[in-house]
Protein backbone atom coordinates (compact mmCIF):
# COMPACT_ATOMS: atom_id res chain seq x y z
CA MET A 1 77.63 -28.55 29.22
CA GLU A 2 74.85 -28.82 31.78
CA GLY A 3 73.71 -32.08 30.19
CA ASP A 4 77.21 -33.55 30.43
CA CYS A 5 77.42 -32.51 34.10
CA LEU A 6 74.05 -34.11 34.80
CA SER A 7 75.08 -37.30 33.02
CA CYS A 8 78.33 -37.43 35.00
CA MET A 9 76.39 -36.88 38.25
CA LYS A 10 73.98 -39.65 37.29
CA TYR A 11 76.75 -42.21 36.79
CA LEU A 12 78.57 -41.14 39.95
CA MET A 13 75.28 -41.53 41.83
CA PHE A 14 74.90 -45.01 40.32
CA LEU A 15 78.48 -45.91 41.29
CA PHE A 16 78.09 -44.84 44.92
CA ASN A 17 74.74 -46.61 45.20
CA PHE A 18 76.31 -49.74 43.81
CA PHE A 19 78.89 -49.53 46.63
CA ILE A 20 76.04 -49.04 49.14
CA PHE A 21 74.36 -52.12 47.64
CA LEU A 22 77.59 -54.12 48.11
CA GLY A 23 78.12 -52.70 51.63
CA GLY A 24 74.58 -53.67 52.58
CA ALA A 25 75.16 -57.17 51.23
CA CYS A 26 78.37 -57.46 53.31
CA LEU A 27 76.67 -56.23 56.51
CA LEU A 28 73.77 -58.59 55.86
CA GLY A 29 76.19 -61.48 55.41
CA VAL A 30 78.15 -60.65 58.59
CA GLY A 31 74.90 -60.28 60.57
CA ILE A 32 73.63 -63.65 59.39
CA TRP A 33 77.01 -65.27 60.12
CA VAL A 34 77.06 -63.89 63.69
CA ILE A 35 73.55 -65.18 64.41
CA VAL A 36 73.82 -68.67 62.85
CA ASP A 37 77.58 -69.34 63.27
CA PRO A 38 78.01 -72.84 64.78
CA THR A 39 81.58 -72.37 66.06
CA GLY A 40 80.86 -70.48 69.28
CA PHE A 41 80.52 -66.79 68.38
CA ARG A 42 76.75 -67.12 68.66
CA GLU A 43 77.13 -68.10 72.32
CA ILE A 44 79.33 -65.08 73.02
CA VAL A 45 76.77 -62.78 71.41
CA ALA A 46 73.92 -64.36 73.37
CA ALA A 47 75.80 -63.86 76.63
CA ASN A 48 75.87 -60.08 76.24
CA PRO A 49 72.64 -58.13 75.50
CA LEU A 50 74.61 -55.30 73.89
CA LEU A 51 76.26 -57.66 71.39
CA PHE A 52 73.00 -59.54 70.85
CA THR A 53 71.15 -56.31 69.99
CA GLY A 54 74.05 -55.10 67.86
CA ALA A 55 73.99 -58.27 65.74
CA TYR A 56 70.34 -57.77 64.85
CA ILE A 57 70.87 -54.05 64.21
CA MET A 58 73.68 -54.99 61.81
CA LEU A 59 71.36 -57.48 60.11
CA ALA A 60 68.55 -54.92 59.75
CA MET A 61 70.89 -52.18 58.52
CA GLY A 62 72.42 -54.54 55.99
CA ALA A 63 69.01 -55.49 54.61
CA MET A 64 67.91 -51.85 54.37
CA LEU A 65 71.13 -50.73 52.69
CA PHE A 66 70.88 -53.64 50.27
CA LEU A 67 67.36 -52.52 49.28
CA LEU A 68 68.11 -48.79 49.21
CA GLY A 69 71.27 -49.28 47.16
CA PHE A 70 69.15 -51.05 44.56
CA LEU A 71 66.51 -48.29 44.64
CA GLY A 72 69.19 -45.60 44.39
CA CYS A 73 70.69 -47.26 41.31
CA CYS A 74 67.24 -47.41 39.70
CA GLY A 75 66.51 -43.77 40.58
CA ALA A 76 69.83 -42.60 39.13
CA ILE A 77 69.56 -44.52 35.86
CA ARG A 78 65.89 -43.63 35.29
CA GLU A 79 66.36 -40.05 36.61
CA ASN A 80 63.22 -40.46 38.71
CA LYS A 81 62.82 -37.58 41.19
CA CYS A 82 60.41 -39.49 43.46
CA LEU A 83 62.83 -42.41 43.80
CA LEU A 84 65.73 -40.04 44.42
CA LEU A 85 63.85 -38.13 47.13
CA PHE A 86 62.70 -41.39 48.75
CA PHE A 87 66.27 -42.68 48.62
CA PHE A 88 67.71 -39.48 50.14
CA MET A 89 65.26 -39.43 53.07
CA PHE A 90 65.80 -43.06 54.01
CA ILE A 91 69.56 -43.06 53.50
CA LEU A 92 69.69 -40.01 55.77
CA LEU A 93 67.74 -41.86 58.48
CA ILE A 94 70.02 -44.89 58.16
CA PHE A 95 73.10 -42.67 58.23
CA LEU A 96 71.94 -41.01 61.47
CA ALA A 97 71.01 -44.39 63.01
CA GLU A 98 74.42 -45.88 62.15
CA LEU A 99 76.19 -42.81 63.50
CA SER A 100 74.19 -43.06 66.74
CA ALA A 101 74.96 -46.78 67.02
CA ALA A 102 78.68 -46.08 66.55
CA ILE A 103 78.62 -43.42 69.27
CA LEU A 104 76.73 -45.73 71.66
CA ALA A 105 79.15 -48.59 70.92
CA PHE A 106 82.04 -46.26 71.80
CA ILE A 107 80.34 -45.09 75.01
CA PHE A 108 79.48 -48.63 76.17
CA ARG A 109 82.72 -50.26 75.04
CA GLU A 110 83.63 -50.86 78.71
CA ASN A 111 80.97 -53.60 78.71
CA LEU A 112 83.32 -55.68 76.58
CA THR A 113 86.39 -55.43 78.81
CA ARG A 114 88.11 -58.31 80.57
CA GLU A 115 87.09 -56.85 83.95
CA PHE A 116 83.41 -56.74 83.01
CA PHE A 117 83.31 -60.39 81.90
CA THR A 118 85.31 -61.48 84.96
CA LYS A 119 82.91 -59.73 87.33
CA GLU A 120 79.85 -61.21 85.60
CA LEU A 121 81.33 -64.72 85.61
CA LYS A 122 82.19 -64.62 89.31
CA LYS A 123 78.77 -63.23 90.16
CA HIS A 124 76.43 -65.37 88.02
CA TYR A 125 78.15 -68.59 86.93
CA GLN A 126 76.54 -71.73 88.44
CA GLY A 127 78.63 -74.54 86.98
CA ASN A 128 76.85 -77.46 85.31
CA ASN A 129 73.37 -75.96 85.70
CA GLU A 130 72.18 -76.21 82.09
CA THR A 131 68.82 -74.60 82.95
CA ASP A 132 70.63 -71.31 83.64
CA VAL A 133 71.21 -69.50 80.33
CA PHE A 134 74.28 -67.63 81.54
CA SER A 135 75.99 -70.79 82.83
CA SER A 136 75.11 -72.97 79.84
CA THR A 137 76.35 -70.23 77.48
CA TRP A 138 79.69 -70.03 79.28
CA ASN A 139 79.96 -73.83 79.27
CA SER A 140 79.42 -73.87 75.50
CA VAL A 141 82.09 -71.20 75.00
CA MET A 142 84.64 -72.97 77.22
CA ILE A 143 84.06 -76.34 75.56
CA THR A 144 84.09 -74.93 72.02
CA PHE A 145 87.28 -72.89 72.44
CA GLY A 146 89.07 -75.23 74.86
CA CYS A 147 89.47 -72.45 77.44
CA CYS A 148 88.60 -71.86 81.09
CA GLY A 149 87.03 -68.81 82.71
CA VAL A 150 87.82 -65.30 81.53
CA ASN A 151 91.45 -65.17 82.66
CA GLY A 152 91.99 -68.84 83.57
CA PRO A 153 90.89 -71.49 86.12
CA GLU A 154 91.64 -69.13 89.02
CA ASP A 155 88.47 -67.17 88.20
CA PHE A 156 86.37 -69.90 89.80
CA GLU A 157 88.08 -69.60 93.18
CA MET A 158 86.01 -66.46 93.84
CA ALA A 159 82.86 -67.46 91.91
CA SER A 160 80.30 -67.44 94.75
CA HIS A 161 77.50 -69.47 93.11
CA PHE A 162 79.91 -72.02 91.68
CA GLN A 163 81.71 -72.52 95.01
CA HIS A 164 78.39 -72.93 96.82
CA LEU A 165 77.05 -75.52 94.37
CA HIS A 166 80.35 -77.33 93.66
CA SER A 167 82.40 -76.81 96.82
CA GLY A 168 84.61 -79.84 96.16
CA ASP A 169 85.57 -78.90 92.60
CA ALA A 170 88.45 -76.62 91.62
CA VAL A 171 86.94 -75.91 88.18
CA PRO A 172 83.73 -76.79 86.32
CA GLU A 173 83.57 -79.78 83.98
CA ALA A 174 83.63 -77.45 80.98
CA CYS A 175 87.24 -76.56 81.87
CA CYS A 176 88.42 -80.16 81.72
CA ARG A 177 90.40 -81.32 78.71
CA ARG A 178 88.65 -83.59 76.22
CA ALA A 179 89.91 -85.88 73.51
CA LEU A 180 87.66 -83.94 71.14
CA GLN A 181 86.62 -80.36 72.01
CA THR A 182 82.88 -80.90 71.72
CA ARG A 183 80.19 -81.36 74.35
CA ASP A 184 80.11 -85.11 73.61
CA GLY A 185 83.91 -85.48 73.54
CA PRO A 186 85.34 -87.93 76.14
CA PHE A 187 87.17 -86.38 79.11
CA ILE A 188 90.90 -86.84 79.71
CA GLY A 189 91.13 -87.41 83.47
CA LYS A 190 87.93 -85.70 84.56
CA GLU A 191 88.28 -86.47 88.29
CA ASP A 192 91.90 -85.30 88.34
CA CYS A 193 90.83 -82.13 86.54
CA LEU A 194 88.09 -81.36 89.07
CA GLN A 195 90.54 -81.93 91.93
CA GLY A 196 92.85 -79.26 90.49
CA LEU A 197 95.55 -81.11 88.54
CA GLU A 198 96.64 -78.60 85.91
CA MET A 199 97.71 -81.10 83.25
CA TYR A 200 94.08 -82.19 82.83
CA GLN A 201 92.67 -78.65 82.64
CA ASN A 202 92.36 -76.11 79.85
CA ARG A 203 94.55 -73.38 81.35
CA GLN A 204 94.13 -70.51 78.92
CA GLY A 205 91.46 -67.88 79.63
CA CYS A 206 88.59 -67.50 77.17
CA TYR A 207 89.02 -63.72 76.85
CA THR A 208 92.44 -64.09 75.20
CA VAL A 209 91.32 -66.97 72.98
CA ILE A 210 88.22 -65.14 71.79
CA LEU A 211 90.11 -61.88 71.29
CA ILE A 212 92.68 -63.60 69.10
CA SER A 213 90.01 -65.51 67.17
CA PHE A 214 87.80 -62.52 66.40
CA GLU A 215 90.15 -59.53 66.44
CA THR A 216 90.38 -59.59 62.65
CA TYR A 217 86.59 -59.66 62.30
CA VAL A 218 86.15 -56.73 64.73
CA TYR A 219 88.58 -54.54 62.76
CA LEU A 220 87.02 -55.65 59.49
CA ALA A 221 83.52 -54.75 60.73
CA GLY A 222 84.76 -51.35 61.97
CA ALA A 223 86.49 -50.55 58.67
CA LEU A 224 83.41 -51.68 56.75
CA ALA A 225 81.14 -49.47 58.87
CA ILE A 226 83.35 -46.39 58.32
CA GLY A 227 83.47 -47.09 54.59
CA VAL A 228 79.69 -47.48 54.38
CA LEU A 229 79.12 -44.20 56.27
CA ALA A 230 81.46 -42.32 53.91
CA ILE A 231 79.78 -43.81 50.83
CA GLU A 232 76.33 -42.96 52.19
CA LEU A 233 77.38 -39.35 52.75
CA PHE A 234 78.61 -38.96 49.18
CA ALA A 235 75.53 -40.76 47.84
CA MET A 236 73.24 -38.27 49.63
CA ILE A 237 75.18 -35.34 48.15
CA PHE A 238 74.99 -36.76 44.62
CA ALA A 239 71.30 -37.64 45.08
CA MET A 240 70.43 -34.02 45.95
CA CYS A 241 72.57 -32.64 43.10
CA LEU A 242 70.93 -35.01 40.63
CA PHE A 243 67.47 -34.25 42.07
CA ARG A 244 67.99 -30.52 41.56
CA GLY A 245 69.44 -31.02 38.08
CA ILE A 246 66.48 -33.06 36.74
CA GLN A 247 63.89 -30.86 35.04
């Protein structure tokens, strides 16, 4: 009876570690996609230190879970106490780190609000100054997504640096419509756009465009994180039960 229970525990341990292995692979894939994505999300991440750090944390966690899931599967199948103890200790550390990251993300979620981005844009944006990382990042986002400012072109009316450097322009060049929405795409009435004619401007704010584009990915990442935490918790329980059951 005890042997059957131990065998059942071993295969349950293997199953949960296989899920951890898959979860780690998914997190690793999402982290790599965020960092190398050519469609504009990389620029958004780079513009916010919290998101930039979070992307690399996701990448590191994914790699560690990928490795530990593999080790946990090996420890369960071979009934190796050293591997099981090593697995338990490291999965516990990762579990606590992920839980801390989730709590910090909840605490600092106000850094991702519309008001935060609007304030930062009005305070730091310098227009066509490509040597300024903040400005060039925003230009890339606006060109890529065909949007203007956080809420719309009106954001630049109160942008102090932009108004000082481009006092005659209603909006920056990045807000002007193009035949092709790339940095090299030809403008459609650039001068009219800069003078404030709405038909030649991208009128929609970037916050709404980005929110619509990536809302699905945000919920998917959140659901994945919750699922991984639950699986890790069960894996730790089974690891200790199997560890104690091995003679």
